[in-house]
């Protein structure tokens, strides 16, 4: 079983202060990040795996913004386990996880999610997204 320590709200708030230090609003920063990830993932879809369980936060942001080019499938278990209830914190968490991750191709069927208070939840789910995996195959075939 893979273990993922959920990034704390305090850590994300610290990142938020850094992200907004150039005078951007949170909405402007979100738009820039969303569009940059859209561009990167459109060019090389396999990179979605770098977000691990935080992929579902990013995919929800895409879907809520009307971006459906990465499919419609959602893993509600993973989304609910990692959702911070705030779009900015969700995007920061996806960015922080992908930035720090060494192995960008792992998959897990069970996760122990260690919460801020030290409690541990076990979630059954997977990182893989059927929509993205299908589009990776089509992209590799030149379609």
Protein backbone atom coordinates (compact mmCIF):
# COMPACT_ATOMS: atom_id res chain seq x y z
CA UNK A 1 0.00 0.00 0.00
CA UNK A 2 1.35 3.42 -0.93
CA UNK A 3 1.26 6.14 1.70
CA UNK A 4 0.67 9.75 0.85
CA UNK A 5 1.01 12.43 3.49
CA UNK A 6 -1.63 15.00 2.66
CA UNK A 7 -0.08 18.44 2.29
CA UNK A 8 -1.15 20.65 5.19
CA UNK A 9 -3.27 23.75 4.73
CA UNK A 10 -0.52 25.78 6.42
CA UNK A 11 2.05 24.59 3.87
CA UNK A 12 -0.31 25.46 1.05
CA UNK A 13 -1.05 28.89 2.50
CA UNK A 14 2.68 29.56 2.59
CA UNK A 15 2.91 28.58 -1.08
CA UNK A 16 -0.08 30.79 -1.81
CA UNK A 17 1.70 33.82 -0.38
CA UNK A 18 4.67 33.09 -2.65
CA UNK A 19 2.49 32.51 -5.71
CA UNK A 20 0.70 35.82 -5.24
CA UNK A 21 3.73 37.94 -4.36
CA UNK A 22 3.93 39.37 -7.90
CA UNK A 23 0.59 41.12 -7.43
CA UNK A 24 -1.57 38.47 -9.09
CA UNK A 25 -5.01 37.79 -7.71
CA UNK A 26 -5.78 34.20 -6.82
CA UNK A 27 -8.13 34.00 -9.82
CA UNK A 28 -5.40 35.28 -12.17
CA UNK A 29 -2.92 32.78 -10.75
CA UNK A 30 -5.44 29.93 -11.07
CA UNK A 31 -6.15 30.85 -14.69
CA UNK A 32 -2.44 30.96 -15.55
CA UNK A 33 -1.73 27.63 -13.87
CA UNK A 34 -4.78 25.96 -15.39
CA UNK A 35 -3.88 27.14 -18.88
CA UNK A 36 -0.23 26.16 -18.49
CA UNK A 37 -1.16 22.68 -17.27
CA UNK A 38 -3.66 22.44 -20.12
CA UNK A 39 -0.89 23.25 -22.61
CA UNK A 40 1.62 20.84 -21.03
CA UNK A 41 -0.85 17.97 -20.74
CA UNK A 42 -2.15 18.52 -24.27
CA UNK A 43 1.40 18.10 -25.56
CA UNK A 44 2.25 15.08 -23.41
CA UNK A 45 -0.73 13.51 -21.68
CA UNK A 46 1.28 10.92 -19.76
CA UNK A 47 2.50 13.74 -17.51
CA UNK A 48 -0.88 13.70 -15.74
CA UNK A 49 0.55 10.82 -13.70
CA UNK A 50 2.97 13.22 -11.99
CA UNK A 51 0.02 14.62 -10.00
CA UNK A 52 -0.71 11.27 -8.34
CA UNK A 53 -3.91 11.47 -6.30
CA UNK A 54 -3.92 15.26 -6.74
CA UNK A 55 -4.70 14.75 -10.44
CA UNK A 56 -8.37 14.59 -9.57
CA UNK A 57 -8.23 18.11 -8.07
CA UNK A 58 -6.70 19.44 -11.28
CA UNK A 59 -9.11 17.52 -13.49
CA UNK A 60 -12.07 18.91 -11.51
CA UNK A 61 -10.67 22.41 -12.07
CA UNK A 62 -10.49 21.67 -15.79
CA UNK A 63 -14.04 20.32 -15.91
CA UNK A 64 -15.46 23.18 -13.83
CA UNK A 65 -13.81 25.59 -16.27
CA UNK A 66 -15.39 23.87 -19.26
CA UNK A 67 -12.20 22.09 -20.35
CA UNK A 68 -13.27 18.61 -21.38
CA UNK A 69 -10.33 17.64 -23.59
CA UNK A 70 -9.06 15.35 -20.80
CA UNK A 71 -12.34 13.45 -20.52
CA UNK A 72 -15.20 13.44 -18.03
CA UNK A 73 -14.30 10.52 -15.76
CA UNK A 74 -13.84 11.49 -12.11
CA UNK A 75 -12.64 9.41 -9.18
CA UNK A 76 -14.86 10.81 -6.44
CA UNK A 77 -13.11 8.84 -3.69
CA UNK A 78 -9.74 10.39 -4.49
CA UNK A 79 -11.22 13.83 -5.06
CA UNK A 80 -13.00 13.84 -1.71
CA UNK A 81 -9.96 12.47 0.13
CA UNK A 82 -7.65 15.21 -1.18
CA UNK A 83 -10.02 18.15 -1.71
CA UNK A 84 -9.23 21.22 0.41
CA UNK A 85 -12.56 22.88 -0.34
CA UNK A 86 -10.74 25.78 -2.01
CA UNK A 87 -9.74 25.98 -5.68
CA UNK A 88 -6.51 27.85 -4.97
CA UNK A 89 -5.40 25.35 -2.31
CA UNK A 90 -6.35 22.46 -4.60
CA UNK A 91 -4.23 23.84 -7.45
CA UNK A 92 -1.33 24.56 -5.10
CA UNK A 93 -1.50 21.01 -3.76
CA UNK A 94 -1.47 19.52 -7.27
CA UNK A 95 1.48 21.72 -8.20
CA UNK A 96 3.43 20.96 -5.00
CA UNK A 97 2.90 17.22 -5.29
CA UNK A 98 3.88 17.04 -8.95
CA UNK A 99 6.90 19.26 -8.33
CA UNK A 100 8.19 17.10 -5.48
CA UNK A 101 7.38 13.70 -6.93
CA UNK A 102 10.24 11.50 -8.02
CA UNK A 103 8.43 8.55 -9.60
CA UNK A 104 5.97 9.94 -12.10
CA UNK A 105 4.45 6.68 -13.25
CA UNK A 106 3.20 4.89 -10.14
CA UNK A 107 -0.30 3.62 -9.58
CA UNK A 108 -1.96 2.60 -6.35
CA UNK A 109 -5.12 0.75 -5.51
CA UNK A 110 -5.04 1.52 -1.78
CA UNK A 111 -3.75 4.62 -0.09
CA UNK A 112 -3.21 5.47 3.53
CA UNK A 113 -3.95 9.16 3.79
CA UNK A 114 -2.28 10.72 6.80
CA UNK A 115 -4.28 13.77 7.85
CA UNK A 116 -2.90 16.86 9.63
CA UNK A 117 -4.08 15.57 13.01
CA UNK A 118 -2.18 12.31 12.49
CA UNK A 119 -5.27 10.20 11.85
CA UNK A 120 -5.01 7.73 9.00
CA UNK A 121 -7.72 7.02 6.47
CA UNK A 122 -7.54 4.24 3.93
CA UNK A 123 -9.02 4.97 0.54
CA UNK A 124 -9.53 2.47 -2.23
CA UNK A 125 -8.97 4.02 -5.59
CA UNK A 126 -6.44 4.50 -8.29
CA UNK A 127 -4.41 7.25 -9.82
CA UNK A 128 -4.99 6.13 -13.37
CA UNK A 129 -7.65 7.92 -15.41
CA UNK A 130 -9.19 5.83 -18.19
CA UNK A 131 -9.87 8.90 -20.34
CA UNK A 132 -6.25 10.06 -20.14
CA UNK A 133 -4.80 6.56 -20.67
CA UNK A 134 -6.93 6.14 -23.82
CA UNK A 135 -5.88 9.52 -25.16
CA UNK A 136 -2.20 8.70 -24.45
CA UNK A 137 -2.57 5.60 -26.59
CA UNK A 138 -4.28 7.55 -29.38
CA UNK A 139 -1.64 10.30 -29.16
CA UNK A 140 1.15 7.73 -29.45
CA UNK A 141 -0.57 6.32 -32.57
CA UNK A 142 -0.70 9.79 -34.07
CA UNK A 143 -4.47 10.15 -33.85
